[in-house]
Amino acid sequence: MKFAVPLAQGVLCSHFGHCEEFAILTVEGGKIVNKKTLTPPPHEPGVLPQWLHGLGVQIVIAGGMGRRALDLFAQSGIKVLTGAPNVAPEVLVQHYLDNTLQTGPNVCDH
């Protein structure tokens, strides 16, 4: 299973489309086995969902995300969790795996 977390200064970036980089974490057997940090392509509508789908991402953990991006991820079969706290990506994924990830409202609902 592959997770994507948008980052700014090493922790979750509240605004998905304006992040500096993405952490791509691979989970096998309930454990994080690999983490890559990648620079995304320039932000344009629809580009990031397609790019992450091409990387094999199945789950995105974000702070906030616009409606169009949410719809595009849904069309690609990628699960999106919004309202996550600004912490390290490994912490977020581990909390997801432990069923303890606390999410709030989508901080970028437009």
Protein backbone atom coordinates (compact mmCIF):
# COMPACT_ATOMS: atom_id res chain seq x y z
CA MET A 1 0.00 0.00 0.00
CA LYS A 2 1.32 3.47 -0.89
CA PHE A 3 0.56 6.69 0.94
CA ALA A 4 1.22 10.28 -0.15
CA VAL A 5 1.56 13.18 2.28
CA PRO A 6 2.10 16.77 1.05
CA LEU A 7 4.99 18.39 2.91
CA ALA A 8 6.32 21.80 3.86
CA GLN A 9 9.47 21.88 5.98
CA GLY A 10 9.22 18.14 6.65
CA VAL A 11 5.69 18.04 8.06
CA LEU A 12 2.21 17.91 6.54
CA CYS A 13 1.43 21.01 4.49
CA SER A 14 -2.05 22.35 5.19
CA HIS A 15 -2.74 23.25 1.56
CA PHE A 16 -2.33 20.24 -0.68
CA GLY A 17 -1.80 22.07 -3.97
CA HIS A 18 0.91 24.39 -2.67
CA CYS A 19 3.23 21.93 -0.96
CA GLU A 20 7.00 21.91 -1.50
CA GLU A 21 7.28 18.13 -1.82
CA PHE A 22 5.49 14.86 -1.20
CA ALA A 23 6.45 12.00 1.05
CA ILE A 24 5.59 8.69 -0.61
CA LEU A 25 5.50 5.94 1.99
CA THR A 26 5.20 2.25 1.20
CA VAL A 27 3.58 -0.04 3.75
CA GLU A 28 3.89 -3.82 3.77
CA GLY A 29 2.65 -6.12 6.50
CA GLY A 30 1.39 -3.18 8.54
CA LYS A 31 4.81 -1.50 8.67
CA ILE A 32 6.39 1.42 6.79
CA VAL A 33 9.11 -0.18 4.65
CA ASN A 34 10.11 2.72 2.39
CA LYS A 35 9.88 6.51 2.24
CA LYS A 36 10.75 8.72 -0.71
CA THR A 37 10.50 12.48 -0.87
CA LEU A 38 9.62 13.78 -4.32
CA THR A 39 9.19 17.24 -5.80
CA PRO A 40 5.79 17.45 -7.51
CA PRO A 41 5.21 18.81 -10.99
CA PRO A 42 4.10 22.47 -11.20
CA HIS A 43 0.67 23.01 -9.67
CA GLU A 44 -2.08 23.09 -12.26
CA PRO A 45 -5.63 21.78 -11.88
CA GLY A 46 -5.71 18.01 -12.21
CA VAL A 47 -1.95 17.44 -12.42
CA LEU A 48 -1.25 16.20 -8.88
CA PRO A 49 -3.98 13.53 -8.77
CA GLN A 50 -2.77 12.12 -12.10
CA TRP A 51 0.89 12.24 -10.98
CA LEU A 52 0.20 10.47 -7.67
CA HIS A 53 -1.98 7.87 -9.39
CA GLY A 54 0.93 7.16 -11.75
CA LEU A 55 3.17 6.57 -8.71
CA GLY A 56 0.77 3.91 -7.43
CA VAL A 57 -0.51 5.93 -4.47
CA GLN A 58 -3.67 4.50 -2.90
CA ILE A 59 -4.19 6.85 0.07
CA VAL A 60 -3.51 10.59 0.45
CA ILE A 61 -3.37 12.15 3.90
CA ALA A 62 -3.79 15.93 3.69
CA GLY A 63 -4.74 18.99 5.68
CA GLY A 64 -6.92 20.62 3.09
CA MET A 65 -7.86 20.01 -0.50
CA GLY A 66 -10.13 21.68 -3.03
CA ARG A 67 -13.29 20.02 -4.31
CA ARG A 68 -11.92 19.41 -7.83
CA ALA A 69 -8.88 17.54 -6.52
CA LEU A 70 -11.10 15.47 -4.22
CA ASP A 71 -13.30 14.55 -7.18
CA LEU A 72 -10.29 13.64 -9.37
CA PHE A 73 -8.83 11.41 -6.65
CA ALA A 74 -12.21 9.69 -6.24
CA GLN A 75 -12.31 9.03 -10.00
CA SER A 76 -8.84 7.45 -9.74
CA GLY A 77 -9.87 5.23 -6.83
CA ILE A 78 -7.51 7.00 -4.41
CA LYS A 79 -8.77 7.44 -0.84
CA VAL A 80 -8.27 10.94 0.60
CA LEU A 81 -8.25 11.86 4.28
CA THR A 82 -8.36 15.61 4.98
CA GLY A 83 -8.08 17.60 8.18
CA ALA A 84 -4.93 15.80 9.33
CA PRO A 85 -2.54 17.57 11.73
CA ASN A 86 0.77 19.16 10.67
CA VAL A 87 3.13 16.42 11.83
CA ALA A 88 5.71 14.14 10.21
CA PRO A 89 4.41 11.83 7.47
CA GLU A 90 5.61 8.69 9.28
CA VAL A 91 3.52 9.68 12.31
CA LEU A 92 0.42 10.18 10.15
CA VAL A 93 0.77 6.86 8.36
CA GLN A 94 1.49 4.98 11.59
CA HIS A 95 -1.61 6.52 13.21
CA TYR A 96 -3.64 5.49 10.13
CA LEU A 97 -2.32 1.93 10.44
CA ASP A 98 -3.12 1.90 14.17
CA ASN A 99 -6.63 3.31 13.52
CA THR A 100 -5.76 6.31 15.71
CA LEU A 101 -5.45 9.02 13.03
CA GLN A 102 -7.45 12.05 14.16
CA THR A 103 -8.76 14.21 11.34
CA GLY A 104 -10.81 17.37 11.45
CA PRO A 105 -12.55 19.49 8.85
CA ASN A 106 -11.07 20.01 5.39
CA VAL A 107 -9.08 23.21 5.95
CA CYS A 108 -9.32 24.17 2.26
CA ASP A 109 -12.92 23.49 1.35
CA HIS A 110 -13.39 25.46 -1.87
